């Protein structure tokens, strides 16, 4: 849920955006970044301006980046992981902030898809099994992406929520971002590296954002939800499905993410 804009003060245009991907650690990154004295974040994660609320206008968006201190004393940013998947967002952000820095977390596509499903299940949004969902996905999503290009105000909850496989086909989405932004503007973080050594990754992020190193409090371990393991045969099926997608991502980025 979007909170209220910050108190009136000098307005700061965002310097960076965490664009996704969903269920890849964006919440942990967002809330811990707030500990850096040189970073200003909105009170709430996921403003959804460039996807769901673009019609509200830039002034509405910028109202979330105000604070009573000199603008040069901090940089501002936000995190909305639907941005990476929404087909209109890359161009919208480029046309609004062409020089902005973007942070992208990418997790094993198999684990990301299953985590998205379990998240929806916990919230009571889906009664189907995971296997049923992935079998139905192509039929349900067919033609839905094209609808966004016909109506810039189009919104589609099924496209947003029933996208377990589609959101994990990273190369498809990243190609659209590379068409707008230089590769130097997009920091890609392997989620598994972030989960295993968050302290190191935070320093990488600070360097990318042009900020001095800063200690991040990591004594309290994140409480991740526990859910039943995926069926072995389903995991193997998805590993086979995503193998060419992972190869495309490797070719696109020049990186081997090591997912199997």
C-alpha atoms as a PDB file:
ATOM      1  CA  UNK A   1       0.000   0.000   0.000  1.00  0.00           C
ATOM      2  CA  UNK A   2       1.257   3.453  -0.857  1.00  0.00           C
ATOM      3  CA  UNK A   3       1.775   5.697   2.132  1.00  0.00           C
ATOM      4  CA  UNK A   4       1.484   9.447   2.371  1.00  0.00           C
ATOM      5  CA  UNK A   5       4.025  11.717   0.731  1.00  0.00           C
ATOM      6  CA  UNK A   6       6.812  13.034   2.942  1.00  0.00           C
ATOM      7  CA  UNK A   7       6.545  16.319   4.785  1.00  0.00           C
ATOM      8  CA  UNK A   8       6.675  19.449   2.644  1.00  0.00           C
ATOM      9  CA  UNK A   9      10.193  20.556   1.799  1.00  0.00           C
ATOM     10  CA  UNK A  10      12.593  20.645  -1.074  1.00  0.00           C
ATOM     11  CA  UNK A  11      11.630  18.208  -3.832  1.00  0.00           C
ATOM     12  CA  UNK A  12      14.297  15.760  -4.972  1.00  0.00           C
ATOM     13  CA  UNK A  13      14.061  13.892  -8.244  1.00  0.00           C
ATOM     14  CA  UNK A  14      14.929  10.221  -7.772  1.00  0.00           C
ATOM     15  CA  UNK A  15      18.481   9.222  -8.573  1.00  0.00           C
ATOM     16  CA  UNK A  16      17.869   5.465  -8.629  1.00  0.00           C
ATOM     17  CA  UNK A  17      15.077   2.918  -8.797  1.00  0.00           C
ATOM     18  CA  UNK A  18      15.041  -0.721  -7.730  1.00  0.00           C
ATOM     19  CA  UNK A  19      13.060  -2.116 -10.664  1.00  0.00           C
ATOM     20  CA  UNK A  20      12.742  -5.762  -9.599  1.00  0.00           C
ATOM     21  CA  UNK A  21      12.419  -8.557  -9.988  1.00  0.00           C
ATOM     22  CA  UNK A  22       9.555  -9.641  -7.758  1.00  0.00           C
ATOM     23  CA  UNK A  23      10.435 -12.151  -4.993  1.00  0.00           C
ATOM     24  CA  UNK A  24      14.161 -11.607  -5.508  1.00  0.00           C
ATOM     25  CA  UNK A  25      15.014  -9.666  -2.343  1.00  0.00           C
ATOM     26  CA  UNK A  26      13.853  -6.162  -3.255  1.00  0.00           C
ATOM     27  CA  UNK A  27      12.139  -5.595   0.107  1.00  0.00           C
ATOM     28  CA  UNK A  28      15.243  -6.507   2.106  1.00  0.00           C
ATOM     29  CA  UNK A  29      17.379  -4.257  -0.090  1.00  0.00           C
ATOM     30  CA  UNK A  30      14.935  -1.348   0.067  1.00  0.00           C
ATOM     31  CA  UNK A  31      14.473  -1.254   3.827  1.00  0.00           C
ATOM     32  CA  UNK A  32      18.154  -1.726   4.641  1.00  0.00           C
ATOM     33  CA  UNK A  33      19.190   1.013   2.196  1.00  0.00           C
ATOM     34  CA  UNK A  34      17.213   3.356   4.385  1.00  0.00           C
ATOM     35  CA  UNK A  35      19.940   3.017   7.024  1.00  0.00           C
ATOM     36  CA  UNK A  36      22.412   4.936   4.849  1.00  0.00           C
ATOM     37  CA  UNK A  37      22.388   8.630   5.854  1.00  0.00           C
ATOM     38  CA  UNK A  38      22.888   9.654   2.241  1.00  0.00           C
ATOM     39  CA  UNK A  39      19.760   7.949   0.915  1.00  0.00           C
ATOM     40  CA  UNK A  40      16.193   9.255   0.953  1.00  0.00           C
ATOM     41  CA  UNK A  41      13.430   6.715   0.390  1.00  0.00           C
ATOM     42  CA  UNK A  42       9.654   7.064   0.481  1.00  0.00           C
ATOM     43  CA  UNK A  43       8.004   5.812   3.660  1.00  0.00           C
ATOM     44  CA  UNK A  44       6.424   2.974   1.709  1.00  0.00           C
ATOM     45  CA  UNK A  45       7.892   0.597  -0.843  1.00  0.00           C
ATOM     46  CA  UNK A  46       6.266   0.215  -4.267  1.00  0.00           C
ATOM     47  CA  UNK A  47       4.907   3.550  -5.394  1.00  0.00           C
ATOM     48  CA  UNK A  48       3.829   1.916  -8.675  1.00  0.00           C
ATOM     49  CA  UNK A  49       3.994   5.251 -10.474  1.00  0.00           C
ATOM     50  CA  UNK A  50       5.477   4.094 -13.765  1.00  0.00           C
ATOM     51  CA  UNK A  51       3.150   1.091 -14.018  1.00  0.00           C
ATOM     52  CA  UNK A  52      -0.227   1.607 -12.320  1.00  0.00           C
ATOM     53  CA  UNK A  53      -0.304   5.327 -11.448  1.00  0.00           C
ATOM     54  CA  UNK A  54       1.388   7.027 -14.388  1.00  0.00           C
ATOM     55  CA  UNK A  55      -1.762   9.018 -15.158  1.00  0.00           C
ATOM     56  CA  UNK A  56      -1.475  10.810 -11.804  1.00  0.00           C
ATOM     57  CA  UNK A  57       1.367  12.860 -13.193  1.00  0.00           C
ATOM     58  CA  UNK A  58       4.961  13.596 -12.249  1.00  0.00           C
ATOM     59  CA  UNK A  59       4.096  16.089  -9.500  1.00  0.00           C
ATOM     60  CA  UNK A  60       2.241  13.352  -7.613  1.00  0.00           C
ATOM     61  CA  UNK A  61       5.247  11.072  -7.905  1.00  0.00           C
ATOM     62  CA  UNK A  62       7.794  13.673  -6.863  1.00  0.00           C
ATOM     63  CA  UNK A  63       5.749  14.551  -3.788  1.00  0.00           C
ATOM     64  CA  UNK A  64       7.113  11.355  -2.230  1.00  0.00           C
ATOM     65  CA  UNK A  65      10.684  12.667  -2.471  1.00  0.00           C
ATOM     66  CA  UNK A  66      10.628  15.741  -0.248  1.00  0.00           C
ATOM     67  CA  UNK A  67      12.472  16.383   2.973  1.00  0.00           C
ATOM     68  CA  UNK A  68      13.570  19.387   4.997  1.00  0.00           C
ATOM     69  CA  UNK A  69      17.270  19.233   4.226  1.00  0.00           C
ATOM     70  CA  UNK A  70      19.438  20.446   1.325  1.00  0.00           C
ATOM     71  CA  UNK A  71      18.839  18.379  -1.803  1.00  0.00           C
ATOM     72  CA  UNK A  72      22.560  17.932  -2.363  1.00  0.00           C
ATOM     73  CA  UNK A  73      22.984  16.130   0.966  1.00  0.00           C
ATOM     74  CA  UNK A  74      21.327  12.927  -0.165  1.00  0.00           C
ATOM     75  CA  UNK A  75      20.207  10.896  -3.125  1.00  0.00           C
ATOM     76  CA  UNK A  76      16.647   9.618  -3.531  1.00  0.00           C
ATOM     77  CA  UNK A  77      15.243   6.361  -4.780  1.00  0.00           C
ATOM     78  CA  UNK A  78      12.347   3.947  -4.686  1.00  0.00           C
ATOM     79  CA  UNK A  79      11.538   0.290  -5.336  1.00  0.00           C
ATOM     80  CA  UNK A  80       8.644  -1.130  -7.370  1.00  0.00           C
ATOM     81  CA  UNK A  81       9.446  -4.658  -8.618  1.00  0.00           C
ATOM     82  CA  UNK A  82       6.541  -4.731 -11.065  1.00  0.00           C
ATOM     83  CA  UNK A  83       8.473  -2.169 -13.110  1.00  0.00           C
ATOM     84  CA  UNK A  84      10.795  -4.803 -14.567  1.00  0.00           C
ATOM     85  CA  UNK A  85       7.908  -6.858 -15.943  1.00  0.00           C
ATOM     86  CA  UNK A  86       5.514  -4.103 -17.077  1.00  0.00           C
ATOM     87  CA  UNK A  87       5.976  -3.591 -20.855  1.00  0.00           C
ATOM     88  CA  UNK A  88       5.573   0.210 -20.843  1.00  0.00           C
ATOM     89  CA  UNK A  89       7.805   1.072 -17.908  1.00  0.00           C
ATOM     90  CA  UNK A  90      11.276   1.078 -19.545  1.00  0.00           C
ATOM     91  CA  UNK A  91      10.306   3.789 -22.040  1.00  0.00           C
ATOM     92  CA  UNK A  92       8.365   5.768 -19.435  1.00  0.00           C
ATOM     93  CA  UNK A  93      11.300   5.914 -17.039  1.00  0.00           C
ATOM     94  CA  UNK A  94      13.752   6.725 -19.831  1.00  0.00           C
ATOM     95  CA  UNK A  95      11.609   9.572 -21.124  1.00  0.00           C
ATOM     96  CA  UNK A  96      11.251  10.960 -17.583  1.00  0.00           C
ATOM     97  CA  UNK A  97      14.706  10.313 -16.085  1.00  0.00           C
ATOM     98  CA  UNK A  98      17.109   9.280 -18.889  1.00  0.00           C
ATOM     99  CA  UNK A  99      20.183   9.417 -16.658  1.00  0.00           C
ATOM    100  CA  UNK A 100      18.775   7.481 -13.700  1.00  0.00           C
ATOM    101  CA  UNK A 101      20.510   4.467 -12.174  1.00  0.00           C
ATOM    102  CA  UNK A 102      18.619   1.181 -11.957  1.00  0.00           C
ATOM    103  CA  UNK A 103      19.116  -1.748  -9.591  1.00  0.00           C
ATOM    104  CA  UNK A 104      17.891  -5.195 -10.601  1.00  0.00           C
ATOM    105  CA  UNK A 105      17.929  -8.367  -8.515  1.00  0.00           C
ATOM    106  CA  UNK A 106      17.603 -11.688 -10.316  1.00  0.00           C
ATOM    107  CA  UNK A 107      17.006 -15.002  -8.572  1.00  0.00           C
ATOM    108  CA  UNK A 108      16.939 -18.567  -9.868  1.00  0.00           C
ATOM    109  CA  UNK A 109      13.882 -18.441 -12.176  1.00  0.00           C
ATOM    110  CA  UNK A 110      12.555 -21.714 -10.782  1.00  0.00           C
ATOM    111  CA  UNK A 111      12.724 -20.509  -7.170  1.00  0.00           C
ATOM    112  CA  UNK A 112      11.396 -17.067  -8.058  1.00  0.00           C
ATOM    113  CA  UNK A 113       8.325 -18.522  -9.813  1.00  0.00           C
ATOM    114  CA  UNK A 114       7.551 -20.822  -6.897  1.00  0.00           C
ATOM    115  CA  UNK A 115       8.027 -18.020  -4.359  1.00  0.00           C
ATOM    116  CA  UNK A 116       5.574 -15.837  -6.281  1.00  0.00           C
ATOM    117  CA  UNK A 117       3.021 -18.642  -6.258  1.00  0.00           C
ATOM    118  CA  UNK A 118       3.439 -19.236  -2.515  1.00  0.00           C
ATOM    119  CA  UNK A 119       3.089 -15.499  -1.849  1.00  0.00           C
ATOM    120  CA  UNK A 120      -0.225 -15.416  -3.703  1.00  0.00           C
ATOM    121  CA  UNK A 121      -1.388 -18.555  -1.966  1.00  0.00           C
ATOM    122  CA  UNK A 122      -0.644 -17.098   1.486  1.00  0.00           C
ATOM    123  CA  UNK A 123      -2.714 -14.057   0.602  1.00  0.00           C
ATOM    124  CA  UNK A 124      -5.620 -16.207  -0.543  1.00  0.00           C
ATOM    125  CA  UNK A 125      -5.435 -14.977  -4.130  1.00  0.00           C
ATOM    126  CA  UNK A 126      -5.233 -18.355  -5.811  1.00  0.00           C
ATOM    127  CA  UNK A 127      -6.875 -21.744  -5.069  1.00  0.00           C
ATOM    128  CA  UNK A 128      -5.008 -23.759  -7.708  1.00  0.00           C
ATOM    129  CA  UNK A 129      -1.927 -25.926  -7.305  1.00  0.00           C
ATOM    130  CA  UNK A 130       1.387 -24.615  -8.593  1.00  0.00           C
ATOM    131  CA  UNK A 131       1.415 -27.259 -11.299  1.00  0.00           C
ATOM    132  CA  UNK A 132      -2.055 -26.244 -12.443  1.00  0.00           C
ATOM    133  CA  UNK A 133      -0.998 -22.594 -12.560  1.00  0.00           C
ATOM    134  CA  UNK A 134       2.068 -23.093 -14.719  1.00  0.00           C
ATOM    135  CA  UNK A 135       0.133 -25.373 -17.059  1.00  0.00           C
ATOM    136  CA  UNK A 136      -2.552 -22.714 -17.540  1.00  0.00           C
ATOM    137  CA  UNK A 137      -0.284 -19.664 -17.702  1.00  0.00           C
ATOM    138  CA  UNK A 138       0.346 -19.447 -21.439  1.00  0.00           C
ATOM    139  CA  UNK A 139      -3.380 -19.747 -22.143  1.00  0.00           C
ATOM    140  CA  UNK A 140      -4.312 -17.127 -19.562  1.00  0.00           C
ATOM    141  CA  UNK A 141      -1.634 -14.595 -20.536  1.00  0.00           C
ATOM    142  CA  UNK A 142      -2.063 -14.975 -24.274  1.00  0.00           C
ATOM    143  CA  UNK A 143      -2.502 -11.535 -25.876  1.00  0.00           C
ATOM    144  CA  UNK A 144      -2.523  -9.662 -22.572  1.00  0.00           C
ATOM    145  CA  UNK A 145       0.865  -8.005 -23.018  1.00  0.00           C
ATOM    146  CA  UNK A 146      -0.157  -6.489 -26.340  1.00  0.00           C
ATOM    147  CA  UNK A 147      -3.141  -4.777 -24.687  1.00  0.00           C
ATOM    148  CA  UNK A 148      -0.810  -2.395 -22.830  1.00  0.00           C
ATOM    149  CA  UNK A 149       0.489  -0.967 -26.120  1.00  0.00           C
ATOM    150  CA  UNK A 150      -3.058  -0.278 -27.306  1.00  0.00           C
ATOM    151  CA  UNK A 151      -4.091   1.635 -24.175  1.00  0.00           C
ATOM    152  CA  UNK A 152      -1.441   3.387 -22.087  1.00  0.00           C
ATOM    153  CA  UNK A 153      -3.800   3.386 -19.079  1.00  0.00           C
ATOM    154  CA  UNK A 154      -4.486  -0.334 -19.349  1.00  0.00           C
ATOM    155  CA  UNK A 155      -4.285  -2.353 -16.135  1.00  0.00           C
ATOM    156  CA  UNK A 156      -4.541  -6.120 -15.854  1.00  0.00           C
ATOM    157  CA  UNK A 157      -4.401  -8.011 -12.549  1.00  0.00           C
ATOM    158  CA  UNK A 158      -4.181 -11.377 -14.267  1.00  0.00           C
ATOM    159  CA  UNK A 159      -1.137 -10.240 -16.244  1.00  0.00           C
ATOM    160  CA  UNK A 160       0.399  -8.911 -13.061  1.00  0.00           C
ATOM    161  CA  UNK A 161      -0.353 -11.898 -10.830  1.00  0.00           C
ATOM    162  CA  UNK A 162      -0.600 -14.970 -13.079  1.00  0.00           C
ATOM    163  CA  UNK A 163       2.909 -14.532 -14.456  1.00  0.00           C
ATOM    164  CA  UNK A 164       4.925 -17.173 -12.655  1.00  0.00           C
ATOM    165  CA  UNK A 165       6.896 -18.277 -15.706  1.00  0.00           C
ATOM    166  CA  UNK A 166       6.765 -15.028 -17.666  1.00  0.00           C
ATOM    167  CA  UNK A 167       8.347 -12.924 -14.903  1.00  0.00           C
ATOM    168  CA  UNK A 168      11.194 -15.444 -14.690  1.00  0.00           C
ATOM    169  CA  UNK A 169      12.081 -15.171 -18.377  1.00  0.00           C
ATOM    170  CA  UNK A 170      14.542 -12.448 -17.567  1.00  0.00           C
ATOM    171  CA  UNK A 171      16.239 -12.012 -20.930  1.00  0.00           C
ATOM    172  CA  UNK A 172      12.937 -11.037 -22.579  1.00  0.00           C
ATOM    173  CA  UNK A 173      12.416  -8.244 -20.091  1.00  0.00           C
ATOM    174  CA  UNK A 174      16.024  -7.094 -19.825  1.00  0.00           C
ATOM    175  CA  UNK A 175      16.233  -6.685 -23.607  1.00  0.00           C
ATOM    176  CA  UNK A 176      13.576  -3.965 -23.393  1.00  0.00           C
ATOM    177  CA  UNK A 177      15.536  -2.165 -20.679  1.00  0.00           C
ATOM    178  CA  UNK A 178      18.797  -2.374 -22.617  1.00  0.00           C
ATOM    179  CA  UNK A 179      16.993  -0.812 -25.564  1.00  0.00           C
ATOM    180  CA  UNK A 180      16.515   2.315 -23.447  1.00  0.00           C
ATOM    181  CA  UNK A 181      19.370   2.435 -20.966  1.00  0.00           C
ATOM    182  CA  UNK A 182      23.090   1.853 -21.175  1.00  0.00           C
ATOM    183  CA  UNK A 183      24.382  -1.231 -19.438  1.00  0.00           C
ATOM    184  CA  UNK A 184      26.376   0.977 -17.075  1.00  0.00           C
ATOM    185  CA  UNK A 185      23.104   2.368 -15.730  1.00  0.00           C
ATOM    186  CA  UNK A 186      21.774  -1.027 -14.626  1.00  0.00           C
ATOM    187  CA  UNK A 187      23.345  -2.864 -11.702  1.00  0.00           C
ATOM    188  CA  UNK A 188      22.350  -6.536 -11.852  1.00  0.00           C
ATOM    189  CA  UNK A 189      22.626  -8.405  -8.568  1.00  0.00           C
ATOM    190  CA  UNK A 190      22.383 -12.164  -8.351  1.00  0.00           C
ATOM    191  CA  UNK A 191      19.901 -12.702  -5.511  1.00  0.00           C
ATOM    192  CA  UNK A 192      21.712 -15.759  -4.233  1.00  0.00           C
ATOM    193  CA  UNK A 193      24.822 -13.594  -3.703  1.00  0.00           C
ATOM    194  CA  UNK A 194      22.713 -11.031  -1.850  1.00  0.00           C
ATOM    195  CA  UNK A 195      21.172 -13.685   0.401  1.00  0.00           C
ATOM    196  CA  UNK A 196      24.517 -15.333   1.202  1.00  0.00           C
ATOM    197  CA  UNK A 197      26.605 -12.179   1.750  1.00  0.00           C
ATOM    198  CA  UNK A 198      24.331  -9.131   2.064  1.00  0.00           C
ATOM    199  CA  UNK A 199      27.010  -6.977   3.676  1.00  0.00           C
ATOM    200  CA  UNK A 200      29.224  -7.283   0.618  1.00  0.00           C
ATOM    201  CA  UNK A 201      26.379  -6.623  -1.812  1.00  0.00           C
ATOM    202  CA  UNK A 202      25.279  -3.495   0.043  1.00  0.00           C
ATOM    203  CA  UNK A 203      28.750  -2.036  -0.420  1.00  0.00           C
ATOM    204  CA  UNK A 204      28.529  -2.860  -4.139  1.00  0.00           C
ATOM    205  CA  UNK A 205      25.214  -0.992  -4.284  1.00  0.00           C
ATOM    206  CA  UNK A 206      26.610   2.013  -2.397  1.00  0.00           C
ATOM    207  CA  UNK A 207      29.546   2.190  -4.813  1.00  0.00           C
ATOM    208  CA  UNK A 208      27.216   1.970  -7.811  1.00  0.00           C
ATOM    209  CA  UNK A 209      25.135   4.822  -6.402  1.00  0.00           C
ATOM    210  CA  UNK A 210      28.221   6.948  -5.814  1.00  0.00           C
ATOM    211  CA  UNK A 211      27.905   6.832  -2.041  1.00  0.00           C
ATOM    212  CA  UNK A 212      30.572   6.259   0.596  1.00  0.00           C
ATOM    213  CA  UNK A 213      30.699   2.877   2.274  1.00  0.00           C
ATOM    214  CA  UNK A 214      28.392   2.544   5.277  1.00  0.00           C
ATOM    215  CA  UNK A 215      27.848  -0.320   7.739  1.00  0.00           C
ATOM    216  CA  UNK A 216      24.488  -2.053   7.499  1.00  0.00           C
ATOM    217  CA  UNK A 217      22.962  -3.660  10.564  1.00  0.00           C
ATOM    218  CA  UNK A 218      22.618  -7.364   9.762  1.00  0.00           C
ATOM    219  CA  UNK A 219      22.349  -8.917  13.210  1.00  0.00           C
ATOM    220  CA  UNK A 220      18.629  -9.538  12.926  1.00  0.00           C
ATOM    221  CA  UNK A 221      18.009 -12.309  10.460  1.00  0.00           C
ATOM    222  CA  UNK A 222      15.211 -11.901   7.994  1.00  0.00           C
ATOM    223  CA  UNK A 223      12.179 -14.052   8.735  1.00  0.00           C
ATOM    224  CA  UNK A 224      11.326 -15.638   5.435  1.00  0.00           C
ATOM    225  CA  UNK A 225       8.073 -17.590   5.141  1.00  0.00           C
ATOM    226  CA  UNK A 226       8.352 -21.361   5.212  1.00  0.00           C
ATOM    227  CA  UNK A 227       6.388 -23.309   2.619  1.00  0.00           C
ATOM    228  CA  UNK A 228       6.346 -26.896   1.323  1.00  0.00           C
ATOM    229  CA  UNK A 229       9.151 -27.826  -1.073  1.00  0.00           C
ATOM    230  CA  UNK A 230       8.410 -28.020  -4.768  1.00  0.00           C
ATOM    231  CA  UNK A 231       7.746 -31.467  -6.182  1.00  0.00           C
ATOM    232  CA  UNK A 232      11.002 -32.870  -7.635  1.00  0.00           C
ATOM    233  CA  UNK A 233       9.381 -33.630 -10.974  1.00  0.00           C
ATOM    234  CA  UNK A 234       8.035 -30.068 -11.180  1.00  0.00           C
ATOM    235  CA  UNK A 235      11.451 -28.622 -10.372  1.00  0.00           C
ATOM    236  CA  UNK A 236      13.052 -30.701 -13.097  1.00  0.00           C
ATOM    237  CA  UNK A 237      10.371 -29.696 -15.576  1.00  0.00           C
ATOM    238  CA  UNK A 238      10.980 -26.016 -14.837  1.00  0.00           C
ATOM    239  CA  UNK A 239      14.748 -26.424 -14.913  1.00  0.00           C
ATOM    240  CA  UNK A 240      14.395 -27.777 -18.439  1.00  0.00           C
ATOM    241  CA  UNK A 241      11.957 -25.003 -19.355  1.00  0.00           C
ATOM    242  CA  UNK A 242      14.229 -22.211 -18.155  1.00  0.00           C
ATOM    243  CA  UNK A 243      17.491 -23.647 -19.477  1.00  0.00           C
ATOM    244  CA  UNK A 244      17.287 -21.801 -22.834  1.00  0.00           C
ATOM    245  CA  UNK A 245      16.060 -18.661 -21.055  1.00  0.00           C
ATOM    246  CA  UNK A 246      19.080 -18.736 -18.761  1.00  0.00           C
ATOM    247  CA  UNK A 247      21.356 -19.246 -21.746  1.00  0.00           C
ATOM    248  CA  UNK A 248      19.844 -16.179 -23.413  1.00  0.00           C
ATOM    249  CA  UNK A 249      20.404 -14.163 -20.253  1.00  0.00           C
ATOM    250  CA  UNK A 250      24.024 -15.273 -20.151  1.00  0.00           C
ATOM    251  CA  UNK A 251      24.523 -14.222 -23.767  1.00  0.00           C
ATOM    252  CA  UNK A 252      22.792 -10.902 -23.150  1.00  0.00           C
ATOM    253  CA  UNK A 253      24.723  -9.953 -20.022  1.00  0.00           C
ATOM    254  CA  UNK A 254      27.973 -11.836 -20.483  1.00  0.00           C
ATOM    255  CA  UNK A 255      27.424 -13.445 -17.071  1.00  0.00           C
ATOM    256  CA  UNK A 256      26.828 -17.020 -16.021  1.00  0.00           C
ATOM    257  CA  UNK A 257      24.368 -16.911 -13.149  1.00  0.00           C
ATOM    258  CA  UNK A 258      24.897 -20.582 -12.343  1.00  0.00           C
ATOM    259  CA  UNK A 259      21.245 -21.536 -12.109  1.00  0.00           C
ATOM    260  CA  UNK A 260      20.276 -25.142 -12.758  1.00  0.00           C
END
